[in-house]
Amino acid sequence: MSLFGNLFGGNNNAPSNPAPSATPTPATAEREVVLDLSKKGPLNLEKREFVNLTKSGVSLSHIRAAAGWDMASFGSIDLDLCAYLFSNGHLEQTVYYGAKRGQGIYLDGDNLTGEGDGDDENIRINFEQLPRHIDRIVIAVVIYSMGKVFSGVKNAYVRLVDESQGQQELVRYNLSADGGKNTAVVAAELQKVNHEWRFVAVGDYSKNSIKSLGKSL
């Protein structure tokens, strides 16, 4: 993947001249949904719904943010799961296939085709080890394959899994099928508000690359 590797310089630093980001506030999402860990099965969110992970009693030391997708027709497509880490509105770091590790967070692989069942790519997060100043993590999926767009993708989703509880799925957000000719989607955000972490379903599509998306957030 030399194209993006050249753009980012193959290091673990944030892209240069990042665009400022709005500081997360409770008004960012429209409706809070209660996560009841005693109930079986995942909690499916709608766009702009959120769950308070801290208040729900979730262990935040072994969280896996996973993404999966299939091709809408015969062939393959390379999508990339990435995370943008912000502090007080400023982009501090981008975790993606060219810079897989940061303090308390890492991408564990790069699926080039999306073939096979289940999760295609995973980002693992230990909130206890994240730098204290990080207050927002944007989870996005970006198409790497030239000439491919989201109309060629189906069954796309992001989900959170608590790996300290035997791979317990906490929450899932099924991305809508209206990606059209877009090449990127901000799937969800993890936001620290009043020292509590929450997961917000977003689902905003755009025609960005990994680098330009980071500047637009």
N, C-alpha and C. Protein backbone atom coordinates (compact mmCIF):
# COMPACT_ATOMS: atom_id res chain seq x y z
N MET A 1 0.84 -1.20 0.00
CA MET A 1 0.00 0.00 0.00
C MET A 1 0.88 1.25 0.00
N SER A 2 1.67 1.42 -1.04
CA SER A 2 2.66 2.47 -1.05
C SER A 2 2.05 3.86 -1.15
N LEU A 3 0.86 3.98 -1.73
CA LEU A 3 0.27 5.30 -1.92
C LEU A 3 0.08 6.00 -0.58
N PHE A 4 -0.66 5.37 0.35
CA PHE A 4 -0.89 6.00 1.64
C PHE A 4 0.36 5.97 2.49
N GLY A 5 1.20 4.95 2.29
CA GLY A 5 2.44 4.92 3.04
C GLY A 5 3.28 6.15 2.77
N ASN A 6 3.34 6.59 1.50
CA ASN A 6 4.08 7.79 1.16
C ASN A 6 3.43 9.03 1.75
N LEU A 7 2.10 9.07 1.73
CA LEU A 7 1.41 10.23 2.24
C LEU A 7 1.67 10.44 3.72
N PHE A 8 1.75 9.34 4.47
CA PHE A 8 1.92 9.44 5.91
C PHE A 8 3.36 9.31 6.34
N GLY A 9 4.23 8.93 5.43
CA GLY A 9 5.64 8.82 5.79
C GLY A 9 5.96 7.59 6.59
N GLY A 10 4.97 6.67 6.74
CA GLY A 10 5.22 5.41 7.41
C GLY A 10 5.57 5.53 8.88
N ASN A 11 5.15 6.63 9.55
CA ASN A 11 5.45 6.74 10.97
C ASN A 11 4.16 6.81 11.76
N ASN A 12 4.28 6.97 13.05
CA ASN A 12 3.13 6.90 13.94
C ASN A 12 2.66 8.28 14.38
N ASN A 13 3.05 9.32 13.63
CA ASN A 13 2.66 10.67 13.97
C ASN A 13 1.39 11.05 13.23
N ALA A 14 0.67 12.02 13.76
CA ALA A 14 -0.52 12.51 13.09
C ALA A 14 -0.12 13.23 11.82
N PRO A 15 -1.02 13.25 10.77
CA PRO A 15 -0.73 13.99 9.56
C PRO A 15 -0.47 15.46 9.89
N SER A 16 0.34 16.10 9.06
CA SER A 16 0.70 17.48 9.32
C SER A 16 -0.49 18.40 9.13
N ASN A 17 -0.45 19.54 9.87
CA ASN A 17 -1.47 20.57 9.77
C ASN A 17 -2.88 20.02 9.91
N PRO A 18 -3.17 19.30 10.99
CA PRO A 18 -4.52 18.76 11.14
C PRO A 18 -5.54 19.86 11.34
N ALA A 19 -6.75 19.65 10.81
CA ALA A 19 -7.81 20.61 10.99
C ALA A 19 -8.36 20.48 12.39
N PRO A 20 -8.74 21.59 13.03
CA PRO A 20 -9.29 21.51 14.37
C PRO A 20 -10.62 20.78 14.36
N SER A 21 -10.93 20.16 15.49
CA SER A 21 -12.16 19.41 15.62
C SER A 21 -12.98 19.98 16.76
N ALA A 22 -14.29 19.88 16.62
CA ALA A 22 -15.16 20.37 17.67
C ALA A 22 -14.99 19.54 18.92
N THR A 23 -14.93 20.18 20.06
CA THR A 23 -14.83 19.47 21.33
C THR A 23 -16.13 18.74 21.59
N PRO A 24 -16.08 17.44 21.91
CA PRO A 24 -17.32 16.70 22.11
C PRO A 24 -18.11 17.24 23.28
N THR A 25 -19.41 17.31 23.12
CA THR A 25 -20.30 17.75 24.18
C THR A 25 -21.47 16.78 24.24
N PRO A 26 -22.22 16.80 25.33
CA PRO A 26 -23.37 15.89 25.43
C PRO A 26 -24.39 16.08 24.32
N ALA A 27 -24.39 17.24 23.64
CA ALA A 27 -25.37 17.48 22.58
C ALA A 27 -24.98 16.84 21.26
N THR A 28 -23.79 16.24 21.18
CA THR A 28 -23.32 15.65 19.92
C THR A 28 -24.28 14.56 19.45
N ALA A 29 -24.74 13.72 20.37
CA ALA A 29 -25.65 12.64 20.01
C ALA A 29 -27.06 13.00 20.45
N GLU A 30 -28.03 12.39 19.76
CA GLU A 30 -29.41 12.76 20.01
C GLU A 30 -30.04 12.01 21.17
N ARG A 31 -29.65 10.73 21.34
CA ARG A 31 -30.37 9.95 22.34
C ARG A 31 -29.47 8.91 22.99
N GLU A 32 -29.50 8.87 24.31
CA GLU A 32 -28.73 7.87 25.04
C GLU A 32 -29.54 6.58 25.15
N VAL A 33 -28.86 5.46 24.94
CA VAL A 33 -29.47 4.14 25.06
C VAL A 33 -28.76 3.40 26.19
N VAL A 34 -29.53 2.75 27.04
CA VAL A 34 -28.95 2.06 28.18
C VAL A 34 -28.41 0.70 27.75
N LEU A 35 -27.18 0.42 28.13
CA LEU A 35 -26.55 -0.87 27.86
C LEU A 35 -26.70 -1.74 29.10
N ASP A 36 -27.47 -2.81 28.99
CA ASP A 36 -27.71 -3.73 30.10
C ASP A 36 -26.90 -5.00 29.85
N LEU A 37 -25.80 -5.15 30.59
CA LEU A 37 -24.90 -6.28 30.37
C LEU A 37 -25.51 -7.61 30.81
N SER A 38 -26.62 -7.57 31.54
CA SER A 38 -27.25 -8.82 31.98
C SER A 38 -28.10 -9.45 30.88
N LYS A 39 -28.40 -8.69 29.84
CA LYS A 39 -29.21 -9.21 28.75
C LYS A 39 -28.33 -9.86 27.69
N LYS A 40 -28.82 -10.93 27.10
CA LYS A 40 -28.08 -11.63 26.06
C LYS A 40 -28.24 -10.90 24.72
N GLY A 41 -27.22 -11.03 23.89
CA GLY A 41 -27.29 -10.44 22.55
C GLY A 41 -26.80 -9.01 22.54
N PRO A 42 -26.38 -8.54 21.37
CA PRO A 42 -25.84 -7.19 21.23
C PRO A 42 -26.93 -6.12 21.26
N LEU A 43 -26.52 -4.93 21.57
CA LEU A 43 -27.39 -3.77 21.49
C LEU A 43 -27.16 -3.11 20.14
N ASN A 44 -28.19 -3.06 19.31
CA ASN A 44 -28.09 -2.46 17.99
C ASN A 44 -28.48 -0.98 18.06
N LEU A 45 -27.58 -0.13 17.65
CA LEU A 45 -27.82 1.30 17.70
C LEU A 45 -28.30 1.84 16.37
N GLU A 46 -29.04 2.93 16.43
CA GLU A 46 -29.40 3.71 15.26
C GLU A 46 -28.47 4.93 15.20
N LYS A 47 -28.47 5.58 14.07
CA LYS A 47 -27.60 6.74 13.89
C LYS A 47 -27.87 7.80 14.95
N ARG A 48 -26.79 8.31 15.55
CA ARG A 48 -26.80 9.34 16.59
C ARG A 48 -27.29 8.86 17.94
N GLU A 49 -27.43 7.57 18.12
CA GLU A 49 -27.66 7.03 19.45
C GLU A 49 -26.30 6.73 20.09
N PHE A 50 -26.27 6.75 21.42
CA PHE A 50 -25.01 6.47 22.10
C PHE A 50 -25.26 5.71 23.39
N VAL A 51 -24.20 5.02 23.83
CA VAL A 51 -24.23 4.34 25.12
C VAL A 51 -23.05 4.85 25.95
N ASN A 52 -23.28 5.00 27.24
CA ASN A 52 -22.24 5.39 28.16
C ASN A 52 -21.57 4.12 28.67
N LEU A 53 -20.36 3.86 28.19
CA LEU A 53 -19.65 2.63 28.54
C LEU A 53 -19.20 2.63 29.99
N THR A 54 -18.73 3.77 30.46
CA THR A 54 -18.26 3.85 31.84
C THR A 54 -19.41 3.61 32.82
N LYS A 55 -20.52 4.28 32.58
CA LYS A 55 -21.68 4.16 33.47
C LYS A 55 -22.28 2.76 33.41
N SER A 56 -22.06 2.06 32.30
CA SER A 56 -22.62 0.71 32.14
C SER A 56 -21.81 -0.35 32.87
N GLY A 57 -20.67 0.03 33.39
CA GLY A 57 -19.84 -0.92 34.13
C GLY A 57 -18.99 -1.81 33.25
N VAL A 58 -18.75 -1.39 32.01
CA VAL A 58 -17.93 -2.15 31.08
C VAL A 58 -16.46 -2.06 31.48
N SER A 59 -15.76 -3.19 31.42
CA SER A 59 -14.32 -3.17 31.63
C SER A 59 -13.68 -2.50 30.42
N LEU A 60 -12.99 -1.42 30.64
CA LEU A 60 -12.44 -0.64 29.53
C LEU A 60 -10.99 -0.97 29.23
N SER A 61 -10.51 -2.07 29.76
CA SER A 61 -9.10 -2.42 29.57
C SER A 61 -8.85 -3.32 28.36
N HIS A 62 -9.89 -4.02 27.88
CA HIS A 62 -9.71 -4.96 26.77
C HIS A 62 -10.87 -4.82 25.78
N ILE A 63 -10.98 -3.66 25.16
CA ILE A 63 -12.05 -3.40 24.20
C ILE A 63 -11.54 -3.56 22.77
N ARG A 64 -12.33 -4.24 21.97
CA ARG A 64 -11.99 -4.40 20.55
C ARG A 64 -13.06 -3.71 19.70
N ALA A 65 -12.62 -2.75 18.90
CA ALA A 65 -13.50 -2.12 17.92
C ALA A 65 -13.29 -2.85 16.60
N ALA A 66 -14.34 -3.51 16.11
CA ALA A 66 -14.22 -4.37 14.93
C ALA A 66 -15.12 -3.85 13.81
N ALA A 67 -14.67 -4.10 12.59
CA ALA A 67 -15.46 -3.75 11.41
C ALA A 67 -15.52 -4.94 10.48
N GLY A 68 -16.66 -5.11 9.82
CA GLY A 68 -16.83 -6.18 8.84
C GLY A 68 -17.63 -5.69 7.65
N TRP A 69 -17.43 -6.35 6.53
CA TRP A 69 -18.15 -5.97 5.31
C TRP A 69 -18.06 -7.11 4.31
N ASP A 70 -18.93 -7.06 3.30
CA ASP A 70 -18.93 -8.01 2.20
C ASP A 70 -19.02 -7.24 0.89
N MET A 71 -18.68 -7.92 -0.18
CA MET A 71 -18.85 -7.33 -1.50
C MET A 71 -20.28 -7.46 -1.95
N ALA A 72 -20.81 -6.42 -2.60
CA ALA A 72 -22.17 -6.46 -3.12
C ALA A 72 -22.27 -7.34 -4.35
N SER A 73 -21.15 -7.56 -5.03
CA SER A 73 -21.12 -8.42 -6.22
C SER A 73 -19.78 -9.14 -6.25
N PHE A 74 -19.56 -9.96 -7.25
CA PHE A 74 -18.33 -10.75 -7.33
C PHE A 74 -17.10 -9.85 -7.38
N GLY A 75 -16.07 -10.27 -6.68
CA GLY A 75 -14.83 -9.51 -6.67
C GLY A 75 -14.34 -9.29 -5.25
N SER A 76 -13.41 -8.38 -5.08
CA SER A 76 -12.89 -8.06 -3.76
C SER A 76 -12.68 -6.55 -3.66
N ILE A 77 -12.57 -6.10 -2.42
CA ILE A 77 -12.37 -4.67 -2.19
C ILE A 77 -11.56 -4.51 -0.90
N ASP A 78 -10.65 -3.58 -0.90
CA ASP A 78 -9.79 -3.34 0.25
C ASP A 78 -10.29 -2.11 1.00
N LEU A 79 -10.88 -2.36 2.18
CA LEU A 79 -11.30 -1.30 3.07
C LEU A 79 -10.36 -1.27 4.27
N ASP A 80 -10.16 -0.11 4.83
CA ASP A 80 -9.23 0.03 5.95
C ASP A 80 -9.94 0.64 7.15
N LEU A 81 -9.82 -0.04 8.28
CA LEU A 81 -10.31 0.47 9.55
C LEU A 81 -9.23 1.37 10.14
N CYS A 82 -9.63 2.53 10.60
CA CYS A 82 -8.65 3.45 11.17
C CYS A 82 -9.27 4.22 12.33
N ALA A 83 -8.41 4.78 13.16
CA ALA A 83 -8.85 5.54 14.32
C ALA A 83 -8.09 6.86 14.37
N TYR A 84 -8.82 7.94 14.61
CA TYR A 84 -8.23 9.27 14.74
C TYR A 84 -8.35 9.71 16.19
N LEU A 85 -7.21 9.98 16.83
CA LEU A 85 -7.20 10.32 18.25
C LEU A 85 -7.05 11.83 18.41
N PHE A 86 -7.97 12.42 19.17
CA PHE A 86 -8.01 13.86 19.37
C PHE A 86 -7.80 14.22 20.82
N SER A 87 -7.25 15.40 21.02
CA SER A 87 -7.13 15.99 22.35
C SER A 87 -7.56 17.44 22.26
N ASN A 88 -8.63 17.77 22.96
CA ASN A 88 -9.12 19.15 23.00
C ASN A 88 -9.30 19.74 21.60
N GLY A 89 -9.82 18.92 20.69
CA GLY A 89 -10.12 19.40 19.35
C GLY A 89 -9.00 19.29 18.34
N HIS A 90 -7.84 18.79 18.75
CA HIS A 90 -6.70 18.70 17.83
C HIS A 90 -6.35 17.23 17.56
N LEU A 91 -6.12 16.91 16.30
CA LEU A 91 -5.75 15.56 15.92
C LEU A 91 -4.33 15.27 16.38
N GLU A 92 -4.20 14.25 17.25
CA GLU A 92 -2.90 13.91 17.81
C GLU A 92 -2.24 12.74 17.09
N GLN A 93 -3.04 11.81 16.59
CA GLN A 93 -2.47 10.58 16.01
C GLN A 93 -3.52 9.90 15.14
N THR A 94 -3.05 9.23 14.09
CA THR A 94 -3.91 8.39 13.26
C THR A 94 -3.38 6.97 13.32
N VAL A 95 -4.22 6.04 13.73
CA VAL A 95 -3.87 4.62 13.75
C VAL A 95 -4.49 3.98 12.52
N TYR A 96 -3.66 3.44 11.66
CA TYR A 96 -4.11 2.83 10.40
C TYR A 96 -3.06 1.81 9.99
N TYR A 97 -3.20 1.21 8.80
CA TYR A 97 -2.30 0.12 8.43
C TYR A 97 -0.84 0.55 8.34
N GLY A 98 -0.57 1.83 8.11
CA GLY A 98 0.80 2.31 8.00
C GLY A 98 1.40 2.75 9.32
N ALA A 99 0.60 2.84 10.34
CA ALA A 99 1.06 3.24 11.68
C ALA A 99 0.12 2.56 12.67
N LYS A 100 0.37 1.30 12.93
CA LYS A 100 -0.62 0.45 13.60
C LYS A 100 -0.68 0.62 15.11
N ARG A 101 0.32 1.21 15.72
CA ARG A 101 0.36 1.22 17.18
C ARG A 101 0.47 2.61 17.76
N GLY A 102 -0.21 2.77 18.88
CA GLY A 102 -0.08 3.96 19.69
C GLY A 102 -0.20 3.53 21.14
N GLN A 103 -0.05 4.46 22.06
CA GLN A 103 -0.15 4.13 23.47
C GLN A 103 -1.58 3.75 23.81
N GLY A 104 -1.79 2.50 24.20
CA GLY A 104 -3.11 2.03 24.59
C GLY A 104 -4.02 1.66 23.44
N ILE A 105 -3.51 1.63 22.21
CA ILE A 105 -4.35 1.34 21.05
C ILE A 105 -3.51 0.74 19.94
N TYR A 106 -4.06 -0.26 19.23
CA TYR A 106 -3.34 -0.77 18.06
C TYR A 106 -4.30 -1.49 17.10
N LEU A 107 -3.94 -1.44 15.83
CA LEU A 107 -4.61 -2.17 14.76
C LEU A 107 -3.90 -3.50 14.60
N ASP A 108 -4.65 -4.61 14.61
CA ASP A 108 -3.97 -5.91 14.65
C ASP A 108 -3.80 -6.58 13.30
N GLY A 109 -4.18 -5.93 12.21
CA GLY A 109 -3.98 -6.54 10.90
C GLY A 109 -4.58 -5.70 9.80
N ASP A 110 -4.40 -6.15 8.56
CA ASP A 110 -4.89 -5.42 7.40
C ASP A 110 -5.49 -6.42 6.42
N ASN A 111 -6.82 -6.51 6.39
CA ASN A 111 -7.52 -7.41 5.47
C ASN A 111 -7.61 -6.72 4.11
N LEU A 112 -7.05 -7.35 3.09
CA LEU A 112 -6.96 -6.71 1.77
C LEU A 112 -8.17 -6.98 0.89
N THR A 113 -9.05 -7.89 1.28
CA THR A 113 -10.13 -8.29 0.38
C THR A 113 -11.52 -8.21 1.00
N GLY A 114 -11.64 -8.34 2.31
CA GLY A 114 -12.95 -8.40 2.95
C GLY A 114 -13.60 -9.76 2.84
N GLU A 115 -12.88 -10.74 2.31
CA GLU A 115 -13.45 -12.08 2.13
C GLU A 115 -13.52 -12.81 3.46
N GLY A 116 -14.49 -13.72 3.56
CA GLY A 116 -14.65 -14.51 4.78
C GLY A 116 -15.71 -13.93 5.69
N ASP A 117 -16.17 -14.75 6.62
CA ASP A 117 -17.21 -14.34 7.55
C ASP A 117 -16.59 -13.64 8.76
N GLY A 118 -17.44 -12.89 9.45
CA GLY A 118 -17.01 -12.26 10.70
C GLY A 118 -16.26 -10.96 10.49
N ASP A 119 -15.56 -10.54 11.55
CA ASP A 119 -14.85 -9.27 11.52
C ASP A 119 -13.68 -9.30 10.54
N ASP A 120 -13.52 -8.21 9.81
CA ASP A 120 -12.43 -8.13 8.84
C ASP A 120 -11.20 -7.41 9.40
N GLU A 121 -11.41 -6.38 10.22
CA GLU A 121 -10.28 -5.68 10.82
C GLU A 121 -10.66 -5.27 12.24
N ASN A 122 -9.65 -5.17 13.11
CA ASN A 122 -9.87 -4.89 14.53
C ASN A 122 -8.88 -3.86 15.05
N ILE A 123 -9.40 -2.96 15.87
CA ILE A 123 -8.56 -2.05 16.63
C ILE A 123 -8.81 -2.32 18.10
N ARG A 124 -7.74 -2.62 18.82
CA ARG A 124 -7.85 -2.93 20.24
C ARG A 124 -7.46 -1.72 21.08
N ILE A 125 -8.28 -1.46 22.10
CA ILE A 125 -8.11 -0.25 22.91
C ILE A 125 -8.10 -0.61 24.39
N ASN A 126 -7.11 -0.10 25.09
CA ASN A 126 -7.07 -0.16 26.54
C ASN A 126 -7.21 1.28 27.03
N PHE A 127 -8.41 1.66 27.44
CA PHE A 127 -8.66 3.04 27.83
C PHE A 127 -7.84 3.44 29.05
N GLU A 128 -7.44 2.46 29.86
CA GLU A 128 -6.65 2.75 31.05
C GLU A 128 -5.22 3.15 30.68
N GLN A 129 -4.77 2.77 29.47
CA GLN A 129 -3.42 3.07 29.05
C GLN A 129 -3.34 4.22 28.04
N LEU A 130 -4.49 4.67 27.56
CA LEU A 130 -4.49 5.81 26.65
C LEU A 130 -3.90 7.04 27.34
N PRO A 131 -3.21 7.90 26.61
CA PRO A 131 -2.77 9.17 27.20
C PRO A 131 -3.97 9.91 27.80
N ARG A 132 -3.81 10.48 28.95
CA ARG A 132 -4.92 11.08 29.67
C ARG A 132 -5.57 12.22 28.91
N HIS A 133 -4.79 12.87 28.02
CA HIS A 133 -5.36 14.02 27.32
C HIS A 133 -6.22 13.63 26.12
N ILE A 134 -6.22 12.37 25.71
CA ILE A 134 -7.06 11.93 24.59
C ILE A 134 -8.51 11.91 25.04
N ASP A 135 -9.37 12.65 24.33
CA ASP A 135 -10.77 12.74 24.74
C ASP A 135 -11.75 12.38 23.62
N ARG A 136 -11.23 11.97 22.48
CA ARG A 136 -12.12 11.62 21.36
C ARG A 136 -11.37 10.69 20.42
N ILE A 137 -12.01 9.58 20.06
CA ILE A 137 -11.44 8.64 19.09
C ILE A 137 -12.49 8.42 18.00
N VAL A 138 -12.17 8.81 16.80
CA VAL A 138 -13.08 8.65 15.66
C VAL A 138 -12.73 7.34 14.95
N ILE A 139 -13.71 6.45 14.84
CA ILE A 139 -13.52 5.17 14.16
C ILE A 139 -14.11 5.29 12.75
N ALA A 140 -13.28 5.04 11.74
CA ALA A 140 -13.71 5.21 10.36
C ALA A 140 -13.30 4.01 9.51
N VAL A 141 -14.00 3.85 8.40
CA VAL A 141 -13.65 2.83 7.40
C VAL A 141 -13.47 3.57 6.07
N VAL A 142 -12.32 3.36 5.45
CA VAL A 142 -11.98 4.08 4.22
C VAL A 142 -11.61 3.06 3.14
N ILE A 143 -12.12 3.27 1.93
CA ILE A 143 -11.80 2.39 0.81
C ILE A 143 -10.42 2.73 0.26
N TYR A 144 -9.57 1.71 0.17
CA TYR A 144 -8.24 1.89 -0.39
C TYR A 144 -8.22 1.60 -1.88
N SER A 145 -9.01 0.62 -2.33
CA SER A 145 -8.99 0.19 -3.73
C SER A 145 -9.39 1.32 -4.66
N MET A 146 -8.54 1.64 -5.60
CA MET A 146 -8.81 2.73 -6.54
C MET A 146 -10.04 2.40 -7.38
N GLY A 147 -10.91 3.39 -7.54
CA GLY A 147 -12.09 3.23 -8.37
C GLY A 147 -13.26 2.54 -7.69
N LYS A 148 -13.09 2.11 -6.43
CA LYS A 148 -14.16 1.44 -5.71
C LYS A 148 -14.89 2.44 -4.81
N VAL A 149 -16.20 2.22 -4.64
CA VAL A 149 -17.01 3.09 -3.80
C VAL A 149 -17.93 2.21 -2.93
N PHE A 150 -18.62 2.84 -2.00
CA PHE A 150 -19.41 2.07 -1.03
C PHE A 150 -20.65 1.41 -1.62
N SER A 151 -21.04 1.79 -2.83
CA SER A 151 -22.16 1.07 -3.45
C SER A 151 -21.79 -0.37 -3.75
N GLY A 152 -20.49 -0.67 -3.75
CA GLY A 152 -20.03 -2.04 -3.98
C GLY A 152 -19.84 -2.83 -2.70
N VAL A 153 -20.29 -2.27 -1.57
CA VAL A 153 -20.12 -2.91 -0.27
C VAL A 153 -21.49 -3.17 0.34
N LYS A 154 -21.63 -4.30 1.01
CA LYS A 154 -22.87 -4.61 1.72
C LYS A 154 -22.54 -5.19 3.10
N ASN A 155 -23.55 -5.26 3.94
CA ASN A 155 -23.42 -5.86 5.27
C ASN A 155 -22.29 -5.25 6.09
N ALA A 156 -22.08 -3.95 5.95
CA ALA A 156 -21.01 -3.29 6.70
C ALA A 156 -21.48 -2.94 8.11
N TYR A 157 -20.58 -3.07 9.06
CA TYR A 157 -20.92 -2.77 10.45
C TYR A 157 -19.66 -2.44 11.23
N VAL A 158 -19.86 -1.83 12.38
CA VAL A 158 -18.82 -1.72 13.40
C VAL A 158 -19.44 -2.23 14.70
N ARG A 159 -18.61 -2.79 15.56
CA ARG A 159 -19.11 -3.28 16.84
C ARG A 159 -18.02 -3.18 17.89
N LEU A 160 -18.43 -3.14 19.15
CA LEU A 160 -17.50 -3.15 20.27
C LEU A 160 -17.62 -4.48 20.98
N VAL A 161 -16.47 -5.06 21.30
CA VAL A 161 -16.40 -6.34 21.98
C VAL A 161 -15.57 -6.19 23.24
N ASP A 162 -16.07 -6.72 24.36
CA ASP A 162 -15.32 -6.75 25.61
C ASP A 162 -14.58 -8.08 25.68
N GLU A 163 -13.28 -8.05 25.42
CA GLU A 163 -12.50 -9.28 25.39
C GLU A 163 -12.14 -9.78 26.79
N SER A 164 -12.43 -8.99 27.80
CA SER A 164 -12.21 -9.46 29.17
C SER A 164 -13.36 -10.35 29.64
N GLN A 165 -14.44 -10.38 28.86
CA GLN A 165 -15.62 -11.17 29.20
C GLN A 165 -15.93 -12.20 28.11
N GLY A 166 -14.89 -12.88 27.64
CA GLY A 166 -15.09 -13.95 26.67
C GLY A 166 -15.67 -13.50 25.35
N GLN A 167 -15.14 -12.41 24.80
CA GLN A 167 -15.59 -11.90 23.50
C GLN A 167 -17.06 -11.47 23.53
N GLN A 168 -17.47 -10.84 24.61
CA GLN A 168 -18.85 -10.39 24.73
C GLN A 168 -19.08 -9.16 23.85
N GLU A 169 -20.01 -9.29 22.90
CA GLU A 169 -20.35 -8.14 22.06
C GLU A 169 -21.21 -7.18 22.85
N LEU A 170 -20.77 -5.93 22.93
CA LEU A 170 -21.47 -4.92 23.72
C LEU A 170 -22.49 -4.16 22.90
N VAL A 171 -22.06 -3.68 21.76
CA VAL A 171 -22.92 -2.82 20.95
C VAL A 171 -22.51 -2.95 19.50
N ARG A 172 -23.48 -2.81 18.62
CA ARG A 172 -23.24 -2.93 17.18
C ARG A 172 -23.98 -1.81 16.46
N TYR A 173 -23.32 -1.30 15.40
CA TYR A 173 -23.97 -0.30 14.55
C TYR A 173 -23.84 -0.78 13.12
N ASN A 174 -24.98 -1.13 12.52
CA ASN A 174 -25.02 -1.56 11.12
C ASN A 174 -25.06 -0.34 10.22
N LEU A 175 -24.03 -0.18 9.43
CA LEU A 175 -23.95 0.98 8.54
C LEU A 175 -25.01 0.87 7.45
N SER A 176 -25.61 1.99 7.14
CA SER A 176 -26.67 1.99 6.14
C SER A 176 -26.13 1.63 4.77
N ALA A 177 -27.03 1.28 3.87
CA ALA A 177 -26.64 0.85 2.52
C ALA A 177 -26.63 2.01 1.54
N ASP A 178 -26.61 3.25 2.03
CA ASP A 178 -26.70 4.40 1.13
C ASP A 178 -25.35 5.10 0.95
N GLY A 179 -24.27 4.31 0.99
CA GLY A 179 -22.95 4.90 0.83
C GLY A 179 -22.69 5.45 -0.55
N GLY A 180 -23.39 4.91 -1.55
CA GLY A 180 -23.30 5.45 -2.91
C GLY A 180 -21.89 5.52 -3.44
N LYS A 181 -21.51 6.68 -3.97
CA LYS A 181 -20.21 6.87 -4.58
C LYS A 181 -19.17 7.39 -3.61
N ASN A 182 -19.46 7.30 -2.33
CA ASN A 182 -18.51 7.77 -1.32
C ASN A 182 -17.41 6.74 -1.08
N THR A 183 -16.31 7.20 -0.50
CA THR A 183 -15.14 6.35 -0.29
C THR A 183 -14.75 6.24 1.18
N ALA A 184 -15.45 6.93 2.06
CA ALA A 184 -15.12 6.89 3.48
C ALA A 184 -16.38 7.04 4.30
N VAL A 185 -16.36 6.45 5.50
CA VAL A 185 -17.47 6.62 6.43
C VAL A 185 -16.92 6.74 7.84
N VAL A 186 -17.33 7.79 8.53
CA VAL A 186 -17.10 7.88 9.96
C VAL A 186 -18.16 7.02 10.61
N ALA A 187 -17.76 5.86 11.07
CA ALA A 187 -18.72 4.88 11.58
C ALA A 187 -19.20 5.23 12.98
N ALA A 188 -18.26 5.61 13.84
CA ALA A 188 -18.61 5.85 15.24
C ALA A 188 -17.55 6.73 15.89
N GLU A 189 -17.88 7.20 17.07
CA GLU A 189 -16.92 7.94 17.88
C GLU A 189 -16.93 7.40 19.30
N LEU A 190 -15.77 7.39 19.90
CA LEU A 190 -15.62 7.16 21.33
C LEU A 190 -15.25 8.49 21.95
N GLN A 191 -16.09 8.98 22.85
CA GLN A 191 -15.92 10.32 23.39
C GLN A 191 -15.81 10.26 24.91
N LYS A 192 -14.87 11.04 25.44
CA LYS A 192 -14.75 11.16 26.89
C LYS A 192 -15.40 12.46 27.32
N VAL A 193 -16.51 12.33 28.03
CA VAL A 193 -17.28 13.49 28.49
C VAL A 193 -17.41 13.38 30.01
N ASN A 194 -16.93 14.40 30.71
CA ASN A 194 -16.96 14.39 32.18
C ASN A 194 -16.32 13.11 32.74
N HIS A 195 -15.16 12.74 32.13
CA HIS A 195 -14.35 11.60 32.57
C HIS A 195 -15.03 10.25 32.31
N GLU A 196 -16.07 10.23 31.51
CA GLU A 196 -16.76 8.99 31.17
C GLU A 196 -16.69 8.76 29.66
N TRP A 197 -16.45 7.50 29.26
CA TRP A 197 -16.35 7.16 27.85
C TRP A 197 -17.69 6.67 27.33
N ARG A 198 -18.03 7.12 26.13
CA ARG A 198 -19.27 6.67 25.50
C ARG A 198 -19.02 6.35 24.03
N PHE A 199 -19.85 5.50 23.50
CA PHE A 199 -19.79 5.07 22.10
C PHE A 199 -20.97 5.68 21.36
N VAL A 200 -20.68 6.43 20.30
CA VAL A 200 -21.71 7.14 19.54
C VAL A 200 -21.75 6.60 18.11
N ALA A 201 -22.92 6.18 17.65
CA ALA A 201 -23.09 5.75 16.26
C ALA A 201 -23.21 6.99 15.38
N VAL A 202 -22.39 7.07 14.32
CA VAL A 202 -22.35 8.27 13.48
C VAL A 202 -22.86 7.98 12.07
N GLY A 203 -22.11 7.21 11.28
CA GLY A 203 -22.56 6.84 9.94
C GLY A 203 -22.55 7.97 8.93
N ASP A 204 -21.55 8.84 8.96
CA ASP A 204 -21.45 9.95 8.01
C ASP A 204 -20.47 9.59 6.89
N TYR A 205 -20.97 9.59 5.66
CA TYR A 205 -20.17 9.23 4.48
C TYR A 205 -19.56 10.47 3.83
N SER A 206 -18.44 10.25 3.12
CA SER A 206 -17.78 11.33 2.39
C SER A 206 -16.90 10.72 1.30
N LYS A 207 -16.27 11.56 0.52
CA LYS A 207 -15.39 11.11 -0.56
C LYS A 207 -13.92 11.30 -0.17
N ASN A 208 -13.61 11.10 1.09
CA ASN A 208 -12.26 11.35 1.61
C ASN A 208 -11.34 10.14 1.48
N SER A 209 -10.04 10.41 1.59
CA SER A 209 -9.01 9.40 1.81
C SER A 209 -8.73 9.37 3.32
N ILE A 210 -7.83 8.50 3.76
CA ILE A 210 -7.48 8.46 5.18
C ILE A 210 -6.93 9.81 5.61
N LYS A 211 -6.03 10.38 4.82
CA LYS A 211 -5.41 11.64 5.20
C LYS A 211 -6.39 12.80 5.18
N SER A 212 -7.16 12.94 4.13
CA SER A 212 -8.07 14.09 4.04
C SER A 212 -9.22 13.98 5.05
N LEU A 213 -9.62 12.75 5.39
CA LEU A 213 -10.66 12.60 6.40
C LEU A 213 -10.18 13.12 7.74
N GLY A 214 -8.94 12.81 8.09
CA GLY A 214 -8.41 13.32 9.35
C GLY A 214 -8.41 14.83 9.43
N LYS A 215 -8.15 15.49 8.30
CA LYS A 215 -8.14 16.95 8.28
C LYS A 215 -9.55 17.54 8.35
N SER A 216 -10.55 16.75 7.98
CA SER A 216 -11.92 17.27 7.92
C SER A 216 -12.70 17.10 9.22
N LEU A 217 -12.17 16.31 10.13
CA LEU A 217 -12.93 15.99 11.34
C LEU A 217 -12.92 17.14 12.35
